[in-house]
Amino acid sequence: MNPDSAIDLEKLRATVAETLELDVEEVTDDARFVEDLGADSLLALEMQVVLEEQYGVHLTEDDLRAATTLRAAHALLTARTAAGPGE
């Protein structure tokens, strides 16, 4: 699978913006979810559920701690979807 086509960055940006109740323009590639965009633990949990359902992957707490920006979340989801279900 081509990593560039695995996860559409703009679709992910829109999903994150909707989950965090922000305008899409506010979710830049390197904006930190907590520090810059104001996500709290409840929003992080909601985002985890939404992303797991949308992309058919399982995300751990460690994954969420590591995926602090859109760019990092995109890389994580791309790797997970390339690895296959349940990875």
Protein backbone atom coordinates (compact mmCIF):
# COMPACT_ATOMS: atom_id res chain seq x y z
CA MET A 1 0.00 0.00 0.00
CA ASN A 2 1.30 3.44 -0.87
CA PRO A 3 1.75 5.30 2.46
CA ASP A 4 0.76 8.59 0.84
CA SER A 5 -2.65 7.22 -0.11
CA ALA A 6 -3.30 5.22 3.07
CA ILE A 7 -4.70 8.13 5.08
CA ASP A 8 -5.97 11.33 3.49
CA LEU A 9 -4.43 14.15 5.52
CA GLU A 10 -7.22 16.62 4.80
CA LYS A 11 -9.91 14.12 5.79
CA LEU A 12 -7.99 13.46 9.02
CA ARG A 13 -7.68 17.22 9.60
CA ALA A 14 -11.45 17.61 9.16
CA THR A 15 -12.13 14.72 11.56
CA VAL A 16 -9.84 16.16 14.22
CA ALA A 17 -11.32 19.64 13.79
CA GLU A 18 -14.86 18.30 14.12
CA THR A 19 -13.98 16.23 17.18
CA LEU A 20 -12.23 19.15 18.87
CA GLU A 21 -14.99 21.55 17.75
CA LEU A 22 -12.57 23.78 15.87
CA ASP A 23 -12.39 25.32 12.41
CA VAL A 24 -10.38 23.18 10.00
CA GLU A 25 -7.92 26.06 9.50
CA GLU A 26 -6.97 25.93 13.19
CA VAL A 27 -5.74 22.33 12.90
CA THR A 28 -2.36 22.92 11.29
CA ASP A 29 0.05 20.06 10.68
CA ASP A 30 2.17 20.88 13.72
CA ALA A 31 -0.38 22.38 16.15
CA ARG A 32 -0.24 20.38 19.37
CA PHE A 33 -3.65 18.97 20.30
CA VAL A 34 -3.41 19.79 24.01
CA GLU A 35 -1.13 22.81 24.24
CA ASP A 36 -2.21 24.67 21.09
CA LEU A 37 -5.73 23.42 20.39
CA GLY A 38 -7.02 23.00 23.95
CA ALA A 39 -7.89 19.30 23.86
CA ASP A 40 -8.50 17.81 27.29
CA SER A 41 -8.55 14.16 28.34
CA LEU A 42 -12.24 13.73 27.44
CA LEU A 43 -11.69 15.14 23.96
CA ALA A 44 -8.62 12.95 23.56
CA LEU A 45 -10.69 9.89 24.45
CA GLU A 46 -13.41 10.95 22.01
CA MET A 47 -10.81 11.46 19.30
CA GLN A 48 -9.39 7.99 20.01
CA VAL A 49 -12.81 6.39 19.57
CA VAL A 50 -13.57 8.34 16.40
CA LEU A 51 -10.21 7.50 14.82
CA GLU A 52 -10.42 3.83 15.76
CA GLU A 53 -13.87 3.55 14.20
CA GLN A 54 -13.03 5.59 11.11
CA TYR A 55 -9.77 3.81 10.31
CA GLY A 56 -10.39 0.35 11.77
CA VAL A 57 -7.36 0.36 14.06
CA HIS A 58 -6.72 -0.01 17.78
CA LEU A 59 -4.91 2.87 19.50
CA THR A 60 -3.29 2.58 22.91
CA GLU A 61 -2.69 5.26 25.52
CA ASP A 62 0.96 5.30 24.44
CA ASP A 63 -0.15 5.93 20.86
CA LEU A 64 -2.22 8.89 22.00
CA ARG A 65 0.64 10.31 24.04
CA ALA A 66 2.93 10.06 21.00
CA ALA A 67 0.43 11.44 18.46
CA THR A 68 0.37 15.00 19.76
CA THR A 69 0.00 16.73 16.38
CA LEU A 70 -1.88 16.12 13.14
CA ARG A 71 1.39 15.16 11.43
CA ALA A 72 2.17 12.60 14.16
CA ALA A 73 -1.39 11.22 14.13
CA HIS A 74 -1.23 10.90 10.34
CA ALA A 75 2.06 8.97 10.53
CA LEU A 76 0.67 6.69 13.26
CA LEU A 77 -2.57 5.95 11.41
CA THR A 78 -0.73 5.40 8.13
CA ALA A 79 1.55 2.87 9.82
CA ARG A 80 -1.34 1.15 11.58
CA THR A 81 -3.51 0.85 8.49
CA ALA A 82 -0.56 -0.46 6.47
CA ALA A 83 0.07 -3.10 9.17
CA GLY A 84 -3.46 -4.41 8.85
CA PRO A 85 -6.42 -4.85 11.22
CA GLY A 86 -5.78 -5.36 14.90
CA GLU A 87 -2.21 -4.09 14.83
